[in-house]
Amino acid sequence: AGAGMSDAPKHHVLPQEHREWFERRGFRGDMDIDQFCVRLEQADHEAIHGGGNWKLGRMWPGEWNRMIMEALHEAEITAGRRLTRNQVLDIVVERMKIYKVPITFTKGRSR
């Protein structure tokens, strides 16, 4: 049998460079951002990050990390307060559907 998705690399859905932001919204301990990873083939991962060069990709407006953080910041401005962990997850899952990212979380590597 060939390599399937179970062999695909794990990728964080909640951007690691914003770990502290997520921690302030309840993503700690058993619910830290390392619990929210998905398996994506490398080509699919590069596509949502705007290509192979992640630094250049971060500048692409539709890039995953940039898009997620903009959506979360907008939601907090609208709410007038910090989002709860569940509200953050609701927004992220909606974006995962739009980007056709599988909504099957797996534990990733912690820092």
PDB file of N, CA and C in Angstrom:
ATOM      1  N   ALA A   1       0.844  -1.192   0.000  1.00  0.00           N
ATOM      2  CA  ALA A   1       0.000   0.000   0.000  1.00  0.00           C
ATOM      3  C   ALA A   1       0.880   1.243   0.000  1.00  0.00           C
ATOM      4  N   GLY A   2       0.423   2.275  -0.688  1.00  0.00           N
ATOM      5  CA  GLY A   2       1.177   3.529  -0.752  1.00  0.00           C
ATOM      6  C   GLY A   2       0.985   4.338   0.508  1.00  0.00           C
ATOM      7  N   ALA A   3       1.758   5.388   0.616  1.00  0.00           N
ATOM      8  CA  ALA A   3       1.657   6.271   1.783  1.00  0.00           C
ATOM      9  C   ALA A   3       0.354   7.055   1.698  1.00  0.00           C
ATOM     10  N   GLY A   4      -0.440   7.004   2.754  1.00  0.00           N
ATOM     11  CA  GLY A   4      -1.703   7.734   2.783  1.00  0.00           C
ATOM     12  C   GLY A   4      -1.604   8.965   3.642  1.00  0.00           C
ATOM     13  N   MET A   5      -2.757   9.558   3.925  1.00  0.00           N
ATOM     14  CA  MET A   5      -2.791  10.771   4.741  1.00  0.00           C
ATOM     15  C   MET A   5      -2.244  10.528   6.144  1.00  0.00           C
ATOM     16  N   SER A   6      -2.289   9.263   6.615  1.00  0.00           N
ATOM     17  CA  SER A   6      -1.785   9.008   7.968  1.00  0.00           C
ATOM     18  C   SER A   6      -0.281   9.255   8.040  1.00  0.00           C
ATOM     19  N   ASP A   7       0.380   9.290   6.884  1.00  0.00           N
ATOM     20  CA  ASP A   7       1.816   9.566   6.843  1.00  0.00           C
ATOM     21  C   ASP A   7       2.112  11.034   6.527  1.00  0.00           C
ATOM     22  N   ALA A   8       1.080  11.780   6.158  1.00  0.00           N
ATOM     23  CA  ALA A   8       1.284  13.177   5.780  1.00  0.00           C
ATOM     24  C   ALA A   8       1.757  13.976   6.994  1.00  0.00           C
ATOM     25  N   PRO A   9       2.585  14.996   6.752  1.00  0.00           N
ATOM     26  CA  PRO A   9       3.087  15.808   7.868  1.00  0.00           C
ATOM     27  C   PRO A   9       1.950  16.511   8.617  1.00  0.00           C
ATOM     28  N   LYS A  10       2.167  16.722   9.916  1.00  0.00           N
ATOM     29  CA  LYS A  10       1.198  17.436  10.754  1.00  0.00           C
ATOM     30  C   LYS A  10       1.500  18.930  10.711  1.00  0.00           C
ATOM     31  N   HIS A  11       0.433  19.706  10.682  1.00  0.00           N
ATOM     32  CA  HIS A  11       0.587  21.157  10.634  1.00  0.00           C
ATOM     33  C   HIS A  11      -0.369  21.806  11.621  1.00  0.00           C
ATOM     34  N   HIS A  12       0.103  22.829  12.318  1.00  0.00           N
ATOM     35  CA  HIS A  12      -0.728  23.559  13.278  1.00  0.00           C
ATOM     36  C   HIS A  12      -1.792  24.370  12.541  1.00  0.00           C
ATOM     37  N   VAL A  13      -3.030  24.291  13.010  1.00  0.00           N
ATOM     38  CA  VAL A  13      -4.122  25.089  12.466  1.00  0.00           C
ATOM     39  C   VAL A  13      -4.118  26.474  13.118  1.00  0.00           C
ATOM     40  N   LEU A  14      -3.751  26.515  14.395  1.00  0.00           N
ATOM     41  CA  LEU A  14      -3.639  27.783  15.124  1.00  0.00           C
ATOM     42  C   LEU A  14      -2.175  28.216  15.037  1.00  0.00           C
ATOM     43  N   PRO A  15      -1.906  29.344  14.389  1.00  0.00           N
ATOM     44  CA  PRO A  15      -0.526  29.743  14.089  1.00  0.00           C
ATOM     45  C   PRO A  15       0.396  29.756  15.312  1.00  0.00           C
ATOM     46  N   GLN A  16       1.493  29.006  15.192  1.00  0.00           N
ATOM     47  CA  GLN A  16       2.434  28.880  16.310  1.00  0.00           C
ATOM     48  C   GLN A  16       3.074  30.201  16.705  1.00  0.00           C
ATOM     49  N   GLU A  17       3.272  31.103  15.729  1.00  0.00           N
ATOM     50  CA  GLU A  17       3.931  32.366  16.083  1.00  0.00           C
ATOM     51  C   GLU A  17       3.025  33.252  16.945  1.00  0.00           C
ATOM     52  N   HIS A  18       1.758  32.850  17.082  1.00  0.00           N
ATOM     53  CA  HIS A  18       0.812  33.599  17.924  1.00  0.00           C
ATOM     54  C   HIS A  18       0.404  32.774  19.145  1.00  0.00           C
ATOM     55  N   ARG A  19       1.265  31.847  19.564  1.00  0.00           N
ATOM     56  CA  ARG A  19       0.971  30.939  20.683  1.00  0.00           C
ATOM     57  C   ARG A  19       0.485  31.706  21.924  1.00  0.00           C
ATOM     58  N   GLU A  20       1.165  32.791  22.282  1.00  0.00           N
ATOM     59  CA  GLU A  20       0.789  33.538  23.494  1.00  0.00           C
ATOM     60  C   GLU A  20      -0.603  34.149  23.365  1.00  0.00           C
ATOM     61  N   TRP A  21      -0.959  34.624  22.173  1.00  0.00           N
ATOM     62  CA  TRP A  21      -2.295  35.176  21.932  1.00  0.00           C
ATOM     63  C   TRP A  21      -3.338  34.105  22.227  1.00  0.00           C
ATOM     64  N   PHE A  22      -3.100  32.893  21.732  1.00  0.00           N
ATOM     65  CA  PHE A  22      -4.044  31.797  21.956  1.00  0.00           C
ATOM     66  C   PHE A  22      -4.061  31.374  23.425  1.00  0.00           C
ATOM     67  N   GLU A  23      -2.907  31.382  24.072  1.00  0.00           N
ATOM     68  CA  GLU A  23      -2.856  31.027  25.500  1.00  0.00           C
ATOM     69  C   GLU A  23      -3.722  31.977  26.322  1.00  0.00           C
ATOM     70  N   ARG A  24      -3.711  33.272  25.965  1.00  0.00           N
ATOM     71  CA  ARG A  24      -4.529  34.248  26.699  1.00  0.00           C
ATOM     72  C   ARG A  24      -6.027  34.009  26.492  1.00  0.00           C
ATOM     73  N   ARG A  25      -6.370  33.201  25.505  1.00  0.00           N
ATOM     74  CA  ARG A  25      -7.778  32.893  25.219  1.00  0.00           C
ATOM     75  C   ARG A  25      -8.128  31.454  25.594  1.00  0.00           C
ATOM     76  N   GLY A  26      -7.313  30.871  26.459  1.00  0.00           N
ATOM     77  CA  GLY A  26      -7.666  29.574  27.027  1.00  0.00           C
ATOM     78  C   GLY A  26      -7.008  28.361  26.413  1.00  0.00           C
ATOM     79  N   PHE A  27      -6.146  28.550  25.432  1.00  0.00           N
ATOM     80  CA  PHE A  27      -5.474  27.407  24.804  1.00  0.00           C
ATOM     81  C   PHE A  27      -4.210  27.074  25.591  1.00  0.00           C
ATOM     82  N   ARG A  28      -4.413  26.359  26.701  1.00  0.00           N
ATOM     83  CA  ARG A  28      -3.307  25.982  27.581  1.00  0.00           C
ATOM     84  C   ARG A  28      -3.485  24.533  28.007  1.00  0.00           C
ATOM     85  N   GLY A  29      -2.401  23.948  28.495  1.00  0.00           N
ATOM     86  CA  GLY A  29      -2.463  22.595  29.051  1.00  0.00           C
ATOM     87  C   GLY A  29      -2.969  21.575  28.037  1.00  0.00           C
ATOM     88  N   ASP A  30      -4.003  20.830  28.423  1.00  0.00           N
ATOM     89  CA  ASP A  30      -4.561  19.789  27.554  1.00  0.00           C
ATOM     90  C   ASP A  30      -5.241  20.362  26.318  1.00  0.00           C
ATOM     91  N   MET A  31      -5.447  21.666  26.285  1.00  0.00           N
ATOM     92  CA  MET A  31      -6.114  22.298  25.144  1.00  0.00           C
ATOM     93  C   MET A  31      -5.187  23.313  24.473  1.00  0.00           C
ATOM     94  N   ASP A  32      -3.860  23.100  24.560  1.00  0.00           N
ATOM     95  CA  ASP A  32      -2.959  24.068  23.927  1.00  0.00           C
ATOM     96  C   ASP A  32      -2.991  23.898  22.408  1.00  0.00           C
ATOM     97  N   ILE A  33      -2.365  24.825  21.701  1.00  0.00           N
ATOM     98  CA  ILE A  33      -2.477  24.823  20.238  1.00  0.00           C
ATOM     99  C   ILE A  33      -1.865  23.579  19.606  1.00  0.00           C
ATOM    100  N   ASP A  34      -1.020  22.866  20.335  1.00  0.00           N
ATOM    101  CA  ASP A  34      -0.417  21.654  19.778  1.00  0.00           C
ATOM    102  C   ASP A  34      -1.438  20.524  19.637  1.00  0.00           C
ATOM    103  N   GLN A  35      -2.602  20.664  20.263  1.00  0.00           N
ATOM    104  CA  GLN A  35      -3.664  19.654  20.131  1.00  0.00           C
ATOM    105  C   GLN A  35      -4.438  19.840  18.831  1.00  0.00           C
ATOM    106  N   PHE A  36      -4.229  20.960  18.160  1.00  0.00           N
ATOM    107  CA  PHE A  36      -5.034  21.297  16.990  1.00  0.00           C
ATOM    108  C   PHE A  36      -4.180  21.317  15.727  1.00  0.00           C
ATOM    109  N   CYS A  37      -3.749  20.140  15.335  1.00  0.00           N
ATOM    110  CA  CYS A  37      -2.976  19.975  14.114  1.00  0.00           C
ATOM    111  C   CYS A  37      -3.777  19.116  13.152  1.00  0.00           C
ATOM    112  N   VAL A  38      -3.473  19.249  11.877  1.00  0.00           N
ATOM    113  CA  VAL A  38      -4.092  18.404  10.856  1.00  0.00           C
ATOM    114  C   VAL A  38      -2.987  17.839   9.983  1.00  0.00           C
ATOM    115  N   ARG A  39      -3.280  16.701   9.380  1.00  0.00           N
ATOM    116  CA  ARG A  39      -2.337  16.122   8.428  1.00  0.00           C
ATOM    117  C   ARG A  39      -2.655  16.687   7.051  1.00  0.00           C
ATOM    118  N   LEU A  40      -1.646  17.271   6.431  1.00  0.00           N
ATOM    119  CA  LEU A  40      -1.797  17.837   5.088  1.00  0.00           C
ATOM    120  C   LEU A  40      -0.609  17.403   4.255  1.00  0.00           C
ATOM    121  N   GLU A  41      -0.894  17.031   3.018  1.00  0.00           N
ATOM    122  CA  GLU A  41       0.204  16.752   2.096  1.00  0.00           C
ATOM    123  C   GLU A  41       0.990  18.047   1.914  1.00  0.00           C
ATOM    124  N   GLN A  42       2.284  17.921   1.655  1.00  0.00           N
ATOM    125  CA  GLN A  42       3.153  19.098   1.567  1.00  0.00           C
ATOM    126  C   GLN A  42       2.646  20.115   0.545  1.00  0.00           C
ATOM    127  N   ALA A  43       2.181  19.642  -0.609  1.00  0.00           N
ATOM    128  CA  ALA A  43       1.712  20.571  -1.649  1.00  0.00           C
ATOM    129  C   ALA A  43       0.499  21.365  -1.161  1.00  0.00           C
ATOM    130  N   ASP A  44      -0.416  20.690  -0.449  1.00  0.00           N
ATOM    131  CA  ASP A  44      -1.597  21.384   0.075  1.00  0.00           C
ATOM    132  C   ASP A  44      -1.189  22.398   1.138  1.00  0.00           C
ATOM    133  N   HIS A  45      -0.222  22.012   1.970  1.00  0.00           N
ATOM    134  CA  HIS A  45       0.266  22.914   3.021  1.00  0.00           C
ATOM    135  C   HIS A  45       0.886  24.158   2.394  1.00  0.00           C
ATOM    136  N   GLU A  46       1.720  23.957   1.386  1.00  0.00           N
ATOM    137  CA  GLU A  46       2.349  25.103   0.717  1.00  0.00           C
ATOM    138  C   GLU A  46       1.305  25.989   0.057  1.00  0.00           C
ATOM    139  N   ALA A  47       0.252  25.370  -0.496  1.00  0.00           N
ATOM    140  CA  ALA A  47      -0.773  26.142  -1.193  1.00  0.00           C
ATOM    141  C   ALA A  47      -1.483  27.111  -0.246  1.00  0.00           C
ATOM    142  N   ILE A  48      -1.835  26.660   0.968  1.00  0.00           N
ATOM    143  CA  ILE A  48      -2.556  27.569   1.870  1.00  0.00           C
ATOM    144  C   ILE A  48      -1.630  28.600   2.496  1.00  0.00           C
ATOM    145  N   HIS A  49      -0.318  28.365   2.383  1.00  0.00           N
ATOM    146  CA  HIS A  49       0.645  29.346   2.892  1.00  0.00           C
ATOM    147  C   HIS A  49       1.264  30.162   1.761  1.00  0.00           C
ATOM    148  N   GLY A  50       0.708  30.074   0.559  1.00  0.00           N
ATOM    149  CA  GLY A  50       1.149  30.939  -0.524  1.00  0.00           C
ATOM    150  C   GLY A  50       2.419  30.502  -1.220  1.00  0.00           C
ATOM    151  N   GLY A  51       2.716  29.215  -1.206  1.00  0.00           N
ATOM    152  CA  GLY A  51       3.883  28.698  -1.917  1.00  0.00           C
ATOM    153  C   GLY A  51       4.937  28.172  -0.969  1.00  0.00           C
ATOM    154  N   GLY A  52       6.046  27.745  -1.520  1.00  0.00           N
ATOM    155  CA  GLY A  52       7.078  27.085  -0.731  1.00  0.00           C
ATOM    156  C   GLY A  52       7.859  27.998   0.196  1.00  0.00           C
ATOM    157  N   ASN A  53       8.002  29.261  -0.157  1.00  0.00           N
ATOM    158  CA  ASN A  53       8.773  30.181   0.681  1.00  0.00           C
ATOM    159  C   ASN A  53       7.834  30.802   1.711  1.00  0.00           C
ATOM    160  N   TRP A  54       7.882  30.296   2.948  1.00  0.00           N
ATOM    161  CA  TRP A  54       6.896  30.732   3.951  1.00  0.00           C
ATOM    162  C   TRP A  54       6.996  32.215   4.269  1.00  0.00           C
ATOM    163  N   LYS A  55       8.206  32.795   4.210  1.00  0.00           N
ATOM    164  CA  LYS A  55       8.328  34.228   4.525  1.00  0.00           C
ATOM    165  C   LYS A  55       7.621  35.067   3.462  1.00  0.00           C
ATOM    166  N   LEU A  56       7.797  34.701   2.197  1.00  0.00           N
ATOM    167  CA  LEU A  56       7.077  35.399   1.131  1.00  0.00           C
ATOM    168  C   LEU A  56       5.595  35.091   1.222  1.00  0.00           C
ATOM    169  N   GLY A  57       5.273  33.837   1.521  1.00  0.00           N
ATOM    170  CA  GLY A  57       3.874  33.419   1.615  1.00  0.00           C
ATOM    171  C   GLY A  57       3.102  34.210   2.648  1.00  0.00           C
ATOM    172  N   ARG A  58       3.752  34.580   3.751  1.00  0.00           N
ATOM    173  CA  ARG A  58       3.076  35.324   4.817  1.00  0.00           C
ATOM    174  C   ARG A  58       2.560  36.673   4.302  1.00  0.00           C
ATOM    175  N   MET A  59       3.117  37.146   3.198  1.00  0.00           N
ATOM    176  CA  MET A  59       2.702  38.438   2.665  1.00  0.00           C
ATOM    177  C   MET A  59       1.474  38.314   1.763  1.00  0.00           C
ATOM    178  N   TRP A  60       1.146  37.100   1.336  1.00  0.00           N
ATOM    179  CA  TRP A  60      -0.013  36.857   0.483  1.00  0.00           C
ATOM    180  C   TRP A  60      -1.273  37.028   1.332  1.00  0.00           C
ATOM    181  N   PRO A  61      -2.241  37.888   0.937  1.00  0.00           N
ATOM    182  CA  PRO A  61      -3.402  38.183   1.779  1.00  0.00           C
ATOM    183  C   PRO A  61      -4.228  36.956   2.164  1.00  0.00           C
ATOM    184  N   GLY A  62      -4.280  35.935   1.296  1.00  0.00           N
ATOM    185  CA  GLY A  62      -5.073  34.748   1.595  1.00  0.00           C
ATOM    186  C   GLY A  62      -4.316  33.696   2.373  1.00  0.00           C
ATOM    187  N   GLU A  63      -3.072  34.000   2.735  1.00  0.00           N
ATOM    188  CA  GLU A  63      -2.242  33.027   3.451  1.00  0.00           C
ATOM    189  C   GLU A  63      -2.914  32.644   4.763  1.00  0.00           C
ATOM    190  N   TRP A  64      -2.852  31.366   5.104  1.00  0.00           N
ATOM    191  CA  TRP A  64      -3.602  30.813   6.241  1.00  0.00           C
ATOM    192  C   TRP A  64      -3.403  31.601   7.543  1.00  0.00           C
ATOM    193  N   ASN A  65      -2.170  31.718   8.021  1.00  0.00           N
ATOM    194  CA  ASN A  65      -1.935  32.350   9.324  1.00  0.00           C
ATOM    195  C   ASN A  65      -2.431  33.789   9.338  1.00  0.00           C
ATOM    196  N   ARG A  66      -2.147  34.502   8.270  1.00  0.00           N
ATOM    197  CA  ARG A  66      -2.555  35.901   8.179  1.00  0.00           C
ATOM    198  C   ARG A  66      -4.081  36.013   8.165  1.00  0.00           C
ATOM    199  N   MET A  67      -4.729  35.171   7.354  1.00  0.00           N
ATOM    200  CA  MET A  67      -6.183  35.190   7.223  1.00  0.00           C
ATOM    201  C   MET A  67      -6.847  34.840   8.555  1.00  0.00           C
ATOM    202  N   ILE A  68      -6.346  33.804   9.237  1.00  0.00           N
ATOM    203  CA  ILE A  68      -6.935  33.369  10.513  1.00  0.00           C
ATOM    204  C   ILE A  68      -6.823  34.486  11.553  1.00  0.00           C
ATOM    205  N   MET A  69      -5.640  35.068  11.677  1.00  0.00           N
ATOM    206  CA  MET A  69      -5.455  36.097  12.701  1.00  0.00           C
ATOM    207  C   MET A  69      -6.288  37.342  12.391  1.00  0.00           C
ATOM    208  N   GLU A  70      -6.404  37.709  11.113  1.00  0.00           N
ATOM    209  CA  GLU A  70      -7.243  38.859  10.749  1.00  0.00           C
ATOM    210  C   GLU A  70      -8.699  38.582  11.107  1.00  0.00           C
ATOM    211  N   ALA A  71      -9.175  37.366  10.820  1.00  0.00           N
ATOM    212  CA  ALA A  71     -10.565  37.000  11.131  1.00  0.00           C
ATOM    213  C   ALA A  71     -10.806  37.033  12.641  1.00  0.00           C
ATOM    214  N   LEU A  72      -9.848  36.528  13.411  1.00  0.00           N
ATOM    215  CA  LEU A  72     -10.005  36.503  14.870  1.00  0.00           C
ATOM    216  C   LEU A  72      -9.966  37.916  15.459  1.00  0.00           C
ATOM    217  N   HIS A  73      -9.059  38.754  14.952  1.00  0.00           N
ATOM    218  CA  HIS A  73      -8.987  40.139  15.441  1.00  0.00           C
ATOM    219  C   HIS A  73     -10.279  40.892  15.105  1.00  0.00           C
ATOM    220  N   GLU A  74     -10.796  40.704  13.877  1.00  0.00           N
ATOM    221  CA  GLU A  74     -12.056  41.340  13.475  1.00  0.00           C
ATOM    222  C   GLU A  74     -13.190  40.921  14.401  1.00  0.00           C
ATOM    223  N   ALA A  75     -13.252  39.620  14.711  1.00  0.00           N
ATOM    224  CA  ALA A  75     -14.321  39.101  15.575  1.00  0.00           C
ATOM    225  C   ALA A  75     -14.225  39.706  16.975  1.00  0.00           C
ATOM    226  N   GLU A  76     -13.006  39.908  17.466  1.00  0.00           N
ATOM    227  CA  GLU A  76     -12.847  40.515  18.795  1.00  0.00           C
ATOM    228  C   GLU A  76     -13.258  41.981  18.779  1.00  0.00           C
ATOM    229  N   ILE A  77     -12.932  42.681  17.706  1.00  0.00           N
ATOM    230  CA  ILE A  77     -13.334  44.089  17.592  1.00  0.00           C
ATOM    231  C   ILE A  77     -14.861  44.173  17.583  1.00  0.00           C
ATOM    232  N   THR A  78     -15.496  43.300  16.807  1.00  0.00           N
ATOM    233  CA  THR A  78     -16.958  43.273  16.720  1.00  0.00           C
ATOM    234  C   THR A  78     -17.579  42.937  18.074  1.00  0.00           C
ATOM    235  N   ALA A  79     -16.994  41.960  18.771  1.00  0.00           N
ATOM    236  CA  ALA A  79     -17.526  41.532  20.075  1.00  0.00           C
ATOM    237  C   ALA A  79     -17.205  42.546  21.174  1.00  0.00           C
ATOM    238  N   GLY A  80     -16.153  43.328  20.971  1.00  0.00           N
ATOM    239  CA  GLY A  80     -15.748  44.298  21.977  1.00  0.00           C
ATOM    240  C   GLY A  80     -15.053  43.667  23.179  1.00  0.00           C
ATOM    241  N   ARG A  81     -14.575  42.440  23.003  1.00  0.00           N
ATOM    242  CA  ARG A  81     -13.884  41.731  24.089  1.00  0.00           C
ATOM    243  C   ARG A  81     -13.091  40.576  23.483  1.00  0.00           C
ATOM    244  N   ARG A  82     -12.301  39.915  24.348  1.00  0.00           N
ATOM    245  CA  ARG A  82     -11.575  38.731  23.897  1.00  0.00           C
ATOM    246  C   ARG A  82     -12.559  37.616  23.580  1.00  0.00           C
ATOM    247  N   LEU A  83     -12.241  36.869  22.542  1.00  0.00           N
ATOM    248  CA  LEU A  83     -13.046  35.695  22.213  1.00  0.00           C
ATOM    249  C   LEU A  83     -12.765  34.581  23.217  1.00  0.00           C
ATOM    250  N   THR A  84     -13.740  33.708  23.398  1.00  0.00           N
ATOM    251  CA  THR A  84     -13.515  32.507  24.203  1.00  0.00           C
ATOM    252  C   THR A  84     -12.833  31.463  23.327  1.00  0.00           C
ATOM    253  N   ARG A  85     -12.325  30.428  23.957  1.00  0.00           N
ATOM    254  CA  ARG A  85     -11.686  29.344  23.207  1.00  0.00           C
ATOM    255  C   ARG A  85     -12.666  28.748  22.191  1.00  0.00           C
ATOM    256  N   ASN A  86     -13.908  28.508  22.605  1.00  0.00           N
ATOM    257  CA  ASN A  86     -14.883  27.920  21.683  1.00  0.00           C
ATOM    258  C   ASN A  86     -15.206  28.850  20.521  1.00  0.00           C
ATOM    259  N   GLN A  87     -15.273  30.152  20.779  1.00  0.00           N
ATOM    260  CA  GLN A  87     -15.522  31.102  19.691  1.00  0.00           C
ATOM    261  C   GLN A  87     -14.366  31.095  18.699  1.00  0.00           C
ATOM    262  N   VAL A  88     -13.141  31.024  19.206  1.00  0.00           N
ATOM    263  CA  VAL A  88     -11.964  30.945  18.327  1.00  0.00           C
ATOM    264  C   VAL A  88     -12.073  29.698  17.458  1.00  0.00           C
ATOM    265  N   LEU A  89     -12.377  28.560  18.073  1.00  0.00           N
ATOM    266  CA  LEU A  89     -12.461  27.304  17.318  1.00  0.00           C
ATOM    267  C   LEU A  89     -13.571  27.352  16.274  1.00  0.00           C
ATOM    268  N   ASP A  90     -14.712  27.960  16.602  1.00  0.00           N
ATOM    269  CA  ASP A  90     -15.803  28.069  15.625  1.00  0.00           C
ATOM    270  C   ASP A  90     -15.338  28.816  14.377  1.00  0.00           C
ATOM    271  N   ILE A  91     -14.622  29.919  14.571  1.00  0.00           N
ATOM    272  CA  ILE A  91     -14.132  30.719  13.444  1.00  0.00           C
ATOM    273  C   ILE A  91     -13.101  29.931  12.643  1.00  0.00           C
ATOM    274  N   VAL A  92     -12.185  29.268  13.338  1.00  0.00           N
ATOM    275  CA  VAL A  92     -11.135  28.504  12.657  1.00  0.00           C
ATOM    276  C   VAL A  92     -11.744  27.356  11.849  1.00  0.00           C
ATOM    277  N   VAL A  93     -12.709  26.646  12.430  1.00  0.00           N
ATOM    278  CA  VAL A  93     -13.338  25.524  11.717  1.00  0.00           C
ATOM    279  C   VAL A  93     -14.073  26.025  10.473  1.00  0.00           C
ATOM    280  N   GLU A  94     -14.733  27.182  10.565  1.00  0.00           N
ATOM    281  CA  GLU A  94     -15.395  27.744   9.379  1.00  0.00           C
ATOM    282  C   GLU A  94     -14.382  27.992   8.264  1.00  0.00           C
ATOM    283  N   ARG A  95     -13.220  28.548   8.623  1.00  0.00           N
ATOM    284  CA  ARG A  95     -12.181  28.808   7.620  1.00  0.00           C
ATOM    285  C   ARG A  95     -11.615  27.495   7.077  1.00  0.00           C
ATOM    286  N   MET A  96     -11.501  26.483   7.929  1.00  0.00           N
ATOM    287  CA  MET A  96     -11.004  25.182   7.472  1.00  0.00           C
ATOM    288  C   MET A  96     -11.933  24.619   6.398  1.00  0.00           C
ATOM    289  N   LYS A  97     -13.248  24.798   6.576  1.00  0.00           N
ATOM    290  CA  LYS A  97     -14.214  24.318   5.578  1.00  0.00           C
ATOM    291  C   LYS A  97     -14.013  25.059   4.257  1.00  0.00           C
ATOM    292  N   ILE A  98     -13.860  26.384   4.337  1.00  0.00           N
ATOM    293  CA  ILE A  98     -13.679  27.198   3.130  1.00  0.00           C
ATOM    294  C   ILE A  98     -12.416  26.769   2.381  1.00  0.00           C
ATOM    295  N   TYR A  99     -11.329  26.532   3.114  1.00  0.00           N
ATOM    296  CA  TYR A  99     -10.051  26.159   2.515  1.00  0.00           C
ATOM    297  C   TYR A  99      -9.940  24.665   2.240  1.00  0.00           C
ATOM    298  N   LYS A 100     -11.025  23.917   2.562  1.00  0.00           N
ATOM    299  CA  LYS A 100     -11.050  22.461   2.366  1.00  0.00           C
ATOM    300  C   LYS A 100      -9.923  21.756   3.122  1.00  0.00           C
ATOM    301  N   VAL A 101      -9.657  22.243   4.333  1.00  0.00           N
ATOM    302  CA  VAL A 101      -8.686  21.600   5.223  1.00  0.00           C
ATOM    303  C   VAL A 101      -9.462  20.553   6.018  1.00  0.00           C
ATOM    304  N   PRO A 102      -8.969  19.325   6.087  1.00  0.00           N
ATOM    305  CA  PRO A 102      -9.703  18.288   6.825  1.00  0.00           C
ATOM    306  C   PRO A 102      -9.863  18.666   8.299  1.00  0.00           C
ATOM    307  N   ILE A 103     -11.083  18.518   8.809  1.00  0.00           N
ATOM    308  CA  ILE A 103     -11.352  18.901  10.198  1.00  0.00           C
ATOM    309  C   ILE A 103     -11.193  17.661  11.078  1.00  0.00           C
ATOM    310  N   THR A 104     -10.005  17.111  11.036  1.00  0.00           N
ATOM    311  CA  THR A 104      -9.655  15.950  11.846  1.00  0.00           C
ATOM    312  C   THR A 104      -8.393  16.330  12.600  1.00  0.00           C
ATOM    313  N   PHE A 105      -8.563  16.731  13.857  1.00  0.00           N
ATOM    314  CA  PHE A 105      -7.414  17.205  14.619  1.00  0.00           C
ATOM    315  C   PHE A 105      -6.584  16.047  15.143  1.00  0.00           C
ATOM    316  N   THR A 106      -5.294  16.267  15.169  1.00  0.00           N
ATOM    317  CA  THR A 106      -4.354  15.305  15.727  1.00  0.00           C
ATOM    318  C   THR A 106      -3.353  16.096  16.560  1.00  0.00           C
ATOM    319  N   LYS A 107      -2.738  15.443  17.505  1.00  0.00           N
ATOM    320  CA  LYS A 107      -1.755  16.132  18.357  1.00  0.00           C
ATOM    321  C   LYS A 107      -0.469  16.337  17.571  1.00  0.00           C
ATOM    322  N   GLY A 108       0.045  17.542  17.585  1.00  0.00           N
ATOM    323  CA  GLY A 108       1.293  17.840  16.888  1.00  0.00           C
ATOM    324  C   GLY A 108       2.455  17.891  17.851  1.00  0.00           C
ATOM    325  N   ARG A 109       3.584  18.310  17.336  1.00  0.00           N
ATOM    326  CA  ARG A 109       4.778  18.474  18.188  1.00  0.00           C
ATOM    327  C   ARG A 109       4.650  19.757  18.978  1.00  0.00           C
ATOM    328  N   SER A 110       4.999  19.677  20.245  1.00  0.00           N
ATOM    329  CA  SER A 110       5.019  20.900  21.043  1.00  0.00           C
ATOM    330  C   SER A 110       6.384  21.550  20.881  1.00  0.00           C
ATOM    331  N   ARG A 111       6.521  22.763  21.405  1.00  0.00           N
ATOM    332  CA  ARG A 111       7.761  23.508  21.186  1.00  0.00           C
ATOM    333  C   ARG A 111       8.952  22.799  21.779  1.00  0.00           C
TER     334      ARG A 111
END
